[in-house]
C-alpha atoms as a PDB file:
ATOM      1  CA  MET A   1      10.529 -17.285  -0.246  1.00  0.00           C
ATOM      2  CA  LYS A   2      11.006 -13.711   0.298  1.00  0.00           C
ATOM      3  CA  PRO A   3       8.310 -11.597  -1.241  1.00  0.00           C
ATOM      4  CA  THR A   4       9.381  -9.254  -3.971  1.00  0.00           C
ATOM      5  CA  ILE A   5       6.627  -7.004  -4.280  1.00  0.00           C
ATOM      6  CA  LEU A   6       4.482  -4.998  -2.144  1.00  0.00           C
ATOM      7  CA  ALA A   7       0.679  -4.614  -2.966  1.00  0.00           C
ATOM      8  CA  LEU A   8      -0.416  -1.116  -1.771  1.00  0.00           C
ATOM      9  CA  ASP A   9      -3.961  -0.231  -0.721  1.00  0.00           C
ATOM     10  CA  LEU A  10      -4.463   3.576  -0.904  1.00  0.00           C
ATOM     11  CA  GLU A  11      -7.655   4.752   0.864  1.00  0.00           C
ATOM     12  CA  GLY A  12      -7.295   4.396   4.825  1.00  0.00           C
ATOM     13  CA  THR A  13      -3.772   3.135   4.303  1.00  0.00           C
ATOM     14  CA  LEU A  14      -1.826   6.038   2.397  1.00  0.00           C
ATOM     15  CA  ILE A  15      -4.510   8.506   2.111  1.00  0.00           C
ATOM     16  CA  SER A  16      -7.438   9.504   3.843  1.00  0.00           C
ATOM     17  CA  ASN A  17      -9.826   8.703   1.102  1.00  0.00           C
ATOM     18  CA  ALA A  18     -10.350   9.303  -2.461  1.00  0.00           C
ATOM     19  CA  ILE A  19     -12.611  12.522  -2.041  1.00  0.00           C
ATOM     20  CA  SER A  20     -10.745  14.362   0.805  1.00  0.00           C
ATOM     21  CA  GLN A  21      -7.203  12.702  -0.370  1.00  0.00           C
ATOM     22  CA  PHE A  22      -5.425  13.761   2.710  1.00  0.00           C
ATOM     23  CA  PRO A  23      -1.808  12.500   2.823  1.00  0.00           C
ATOM     24  CA  ARG A  24      -1.138  10.271   5.645  1.00  0.00           C
ATOM     25  CA  PRO A  25       1.694  11.537   7.860  1.00  0.00           C
ATOM     26  CA  GLY A  26       5.245  10.119   6.813  1.00  0.00           C
ATOM     27  CA  LEU A  27       3.844   9.004   3.295  1.00  0.00           C
ATOM     28  CA  TYR A  28       6.856  10.262   1.185  1.00  0.00           C
ATOM     29  CA  GLN A  29       9.515   8.785   3.699  1.00  0.00           C
ATOM     30  CA  PHE A  30       7.663   5.574   3.637  1.00  0.00           C
ATOM     31  CA  LEU A  31       7.194   5.365  -0.206  1.00  0.00           C
ATOM     32  CA  VAL A  32      11.047   6.080  -0.575  1.00  0.00           C
ATOM     33  CA  GLU A  33      11.837   3.543   2.134  1.00  0.00           C
ATOM     34  CA  VAL A  34       9.406   0.718   0.988  1.00  0.00           C
ATOM     35  CA  GLU A  35      10.806   1.245  -2.665  1.00  0.00           C
ATOM     36  CA  THR A  36      14.470   0.141  -1.597  1.00  0.00           C
ATOM     37  CA  MET A  37      12.793  -2.865   0.333  1.00  0.00           C
ATOM     38  CA  PHE A  38      10.971  -4.615  -2.717  1.00  0.00           C
ATOM     39  CA  ASP A  39      12.192  -5.091  -6.407  1.00  0.00           C
ATOM     40  CA  GLN A  40       8.197  -3.478  -7.285  1.00  0.00           C
ATOM     41  CA  LEU A  41       5.388  -1.504  -5.579  1.00  0.00           C
ATOM     42  CA  VAL A  42       1.749  -2.153  -7.126  1.00  0.00           C
ATOM     43  CA  MET A  43      -1.394  -0.454  -6.312  1.00  0.00           C
ATOM     44  CA  LEU A  44      -4.367  -3.038  -5.191  1.00  0.00           C
ATOM     45  CA  THR A  45      -7.288  -0.707  -4.479  1.00  0.00           C
ATOM     46  CA  THR A  46     -10.667  -0.282  -4.908  1.00  0.00           C
ATOM     47  CA  VAL A  47     -10.198   3.380  -6.362  1.00  0.00           C
ATOM     48  CA  PRO A  48     -10.500   3.066 -10.171  1.00  0.00           C
ATOM     49  CA  ARG A  49      -7.145   3.735 -12.165  1.00  0.00           C
ATOM     50  CA  ASP A  50      -7.729   6.827 -13.728  1.00  0.00           C
ATOM     51  CA  ARG A  51      -8.639   8.441 -10.318  1.00  0.00           C
ATOM     52  CA  PHE A  52      -5.722   6.811  -8.693  1.00  0.00           C
ATOM     53  CA  TYR A  53      -3.227   8.198 -11.258  1.00  0.00           C
ATOM     54  CA  SER A  54      -4.871  11.852 -10.782  1.00  0.00           C
ATOM     55  CA  ILE A  55      -4.547  11.535  -6.816  1.00  0.00           C
ATOM     56  CA  ALA A  56      -0.947  10.359  -7.377  1.00  0.00           C
ATOM     57  CA  GLU A  57      -0.054  12.942  -9.566  1.00  0.00           C
ATOM     58  CA  LEU A  58      -1.438  15.712  -6.714  1.00  0.00           C
ATOM     59  CA  LEU A  59       0.494  13.924  -4.121  1.00  0.00           C
ATOM     60  CA  VAL A  60       3.333  14.671  -6.077  1.00  0.00           C
ATOM     61  CA  LEU A  61       2.634  18.255  -6.855  1.00  0.00           C
ATOM     62  CA  GLU A  62       1.734  18.688  -3.093  1.00  0.00           C
ATOM     63  CA  GLY A  63       5.265  17.226  -2.258  1.00  0.00           C
ATOM     64  CA  ALA A  64       3.654  14.467  -0.476  1.00  0.00           C
ATOM     65  CA  ALA A  65       4.922  11.534  -2.638  1.00  0.00           C
ATOM     66  CA  PRO A  66       8.296  11.130  -4.536  1.00  0.00           C
ATOM     67  CA  ILE A  67       7.897  11.684  -8.016  1.00  0.00           C
ATOM     68  CA  TRP A  68       7.997   8.302  -9.357  1.00  0.00           C
ATOM     69  CA  PHE A  69       4.836   7.334  -7.575  1.00  0.00           C
ATOM     70  CA  PRO A  70       2.468   7.776 -10.479  1.00  0.00           C
ATOM     71  CA  ALA A  71       4.282   5.711 -12.523  1.00  0.00           C
ATOM     72  CA  ILE A  72       3.642   2.635 -10.359  1.00  0.00           C
ATOM     73  CA  THR A  73       1.627  -0.357 -11.704  1.00  0.00           C
ATOM     74  CA  TYR A  74      -2.007  -0.259 -10.920  1.00  0.00           C
ATOM     75  CA  THR A  75      -3.393  -3.968 -10.537  1.00  0.00           C
ATOM     76  CA  ASN A  76      -6.811  -4.657 -12.094  1.00  0.00           C
ATOM     77  CA  TRP A  77      -8.516  -7.234 -10.088  1.00  0.00           C
ATOM     78  CA  TYR A  78     -12.059  -8.272  -9.631  1.00  0.00           C
ATOM     79  CA  GLY A  79     -14.262 -10.145  -6.809  1.00  0.00           C
ATOM     80  CA  SER A  80     -14.717  -9.206  -3.360  1.00  0.00           C
ATOM     81  CA  THR A  81     -11.397  -9.592  -2.085  1.00  0.00           C
ATOM     82  CA  LYS A  82      -7.810  -8.439  -2.991  1.00  0.00           C
ATOM     83  CA  ASP A  83      -6.265 -11.980  -4.430  1.00  0.00           C
ATOM     84  CA  LEU A  84      -2.533 -11.608  -4.371  1.00  0.00           C
ATOM     85  CA  ARG A  85      -2.413 -13.770  -7.705  1.00  0.00           C
ATOM     86  CA  PHE A  86      -3.463 -10.768  -9.685  1.00  0.00           C
ATOM     87  CA  VAL A  87      -0.247  -9.466  -8.599  1.00  0.00           C
ATOM     88  CA  SER A  88       1.771 -12.315  -9.299  1.00  0.00           C
ATOM     89  CA  PRO A  89       0.962 -16.105 -10.386  1.00  0.00           C
ATOM     90  CA  ARG A  90       3.391 -17.138  -7.864  1.00  0.00           C
ATOM     91  CA  LEU A  91       1.774 -16.840  -4.407  1.00  0.00           C
ATOM     92  CA  GLY A  92       4.402 -15.667  -1.811  1.00  0.00           C
ATOM     93  CA  ASP A  93       5.861 -13.185  -4.172  1.00  0.00           C
ATOM     94  CA  ALA A  94       3.807 -10.461  -3.039  1.00  0.00           C
ATOM     95  CA  LEU A  95       2.747  -8.890   0.379  1.00  0.00           C
ATOM     96  CA  LEU A  96      -0.325  -6.879   0.920  1.00  0.00           C
ATOM     97  CA  LEU A  97      -0.292  -3.783   2.721  1.00  0.00           C
ATOM     98  CA  ASP A  98      -3.884  -2.770   3.750  1.00  0.00           C
ATOM     99  CA  ASP A  99      -6.026  -1.378   6.795  1.00  0.00           C
ATOM    100  CA  HIS A 100      -9.224  -3.327   5.865  1.00  0.00           C
ATOM    101  CA  GLY A 101      -8.932  -7.158   6.752  1.00  0.00           C
ATOM    102  CA  ALA A 102     -12.124  -8.087   4.931  1.00  0.00           C
ATOM    103  CA  TYR A 103     -10.218  -7.537   1.531  1.00  0.00           C
ATOM    104  CA  VAL A 104      -7.712 -10.094   2.298  1.00  0.00           C
ATOM    105  CA  HIS A 105      -8.318 -13.360   0.358  1.00  0.00           C
ATOM    106  CA  SER A 106      -8.926 -16.529   2.197  1.00  0.00           C
ATOM    107  CA  GLY A 107      -5.814 -18.230   2.650  1.00  0.00           C
ATOM    108  CA  GLN A 108      -3.491 -15.328   2.147  1.00  0.00           C
ATOM    109  CA  GLU A 109      -3.685 -13.936   5.431  1.00  0.00           C
ATOM    110  CA  HIS A 110       0.012 -14.549   6.179  1.00  0.00           C
ATOM    111  CA  LEU A 111       0.793 -12.213   3.177  1.00  0.00           C
ATOM    112  CA  TRP A 112      -1.218  -9.270   4.906  1.00  0.00           C
ATOM    113  CA  VAL A 113       0.484  -6.446   6.315  1.00  0.00           C
ATOM    114  CA  GLU A 114      -2.470  -4.931   8.446  1.00  0.00           C
ATOM    115  CA  ILE A 115      -1.949  -0.985   8.884  1.00  0.00           C
ATOM    116  CA  PRO A 116      -4.101   1.071  11.481  1.00  0.00           C
ATOM    117  CA  LEU A 117      -6.811   2.998   9.601  1.00  0.00           C
ATOM    118  CA  PHE A 118      -6.254   6.462   8.736  1.00  0.00           C
ATOM    119  CA  ALA A 119      -9.525   8.086   9.581  1.00  0.00           C
ATOM    120  CA  SER A 120     -11.368  11.229  10.813  1.00  0.00           C
ATOM    121  CA  PRO A 121     -10.022  13.072  12.650  1.00  0.00           C
ATOM    122  CA  TYR A 122      -6.657  12.922  10.854  1.00  0.00           C
ATOM    123  CA  SER A 123      -4.138  13.330  13.276  1.00  0.00           C
ATOM    124  CA  ALA A 124      -0.702  14.778  12.369  1.00  0.00           C
ATOM    125  CA  GLU A 125       0.659  12.381  14.902  1.00  0.00           C
ATOM    126  CA  ASP A 126      -0.571   9.681  12.981  1.00  0.00           C
ATOM    127  CA  ASP A 127       2.324   6.618  13.223  1.00  0.00           C
ATOM    128  CA  GLY A 128       0.734   4.095  11.103  1.00  0.00           C
ATOM    129  CA  LEU A 129       3.399   4.261   8.237  1.00  0.00           C
ATOM    130  CA  ASN A 130       6.020   3.886  10.533  1.00  0.00           C
ATOM    131  CA  LEU A 131       4.696   0.839  12.288  1.00  0.00           C
ATOM    132  CA  ALA A 132       3.872  -0.581   8.903  1.00  0.00           C
ATOM    133  CA  ARG A 133       7.244  -0.148   7.852  1.00  0.00           C
ATOM    134  CA  GLN A 134       8.786  -1.909  11.007  1.00  0.00           C
ATOM    135  CA  GLU A 135       6.466  -4.806  10.308  1.00  0.00           C
ATOM    136  CA  LEU A 136       7.876  -4.837   6.634  1.00  0.00           C
ATOM    137  CA  ILE A 137      11.370  -4.978   8.267  1.00  0.00           C
ATOM    138  CA  LEU A 138      10.423  -7.665  10.730  1.00  0.00           C
ATOM    139  CA  ARG A 139       8.653 -10.025   7.877  1.00  0.00           C
ATOM    140  CA  LEU A 140      11.290  -9.602   5.719  1.00  0.00           C
ATOM    141  CA  GLU A 141      14.101 -10.250   8.193  1.00  0.00           C
ATOM    142  CA  ARG A 142      12.282 -13.719   9.128  1.00  0.00           C
ATOM    143  CA  LEU A 143      12.451 -14.713   5.894  1.00  0.00           C
ATOM    144  CA  ASN A 144      16.208 -13.967   5.020  1.00  0.00           C
END
């Protein structure tokens, strides 16, 4: 089964954190590219819904994210891990892009695309999103 949904973490993955909100280098281009690779992008983050949407709007205003970014679906979830069945009832429909392995739900490790943590000091040379994009391409090619 080829995944059609990409569940995105926010803090440490796409941006620094919900306080400083530094966009990760290459964020705009990454979002544009993965939007064409998947039928749907969703947020699966510990950041509360309202806070995520205000951050997303700021990223657009700053030119760091495409105009459609604040319209992506926010996924409500509970528990200590990000169970992809909150995204889709069919396991395998979604991949999780996240920097923090402790949030990966047991038994769903094969659906996790790990990205290096984007943390202080925030380097303009950070290549995490490019590495993640390359891994996503490989995963999808293997499933075709």
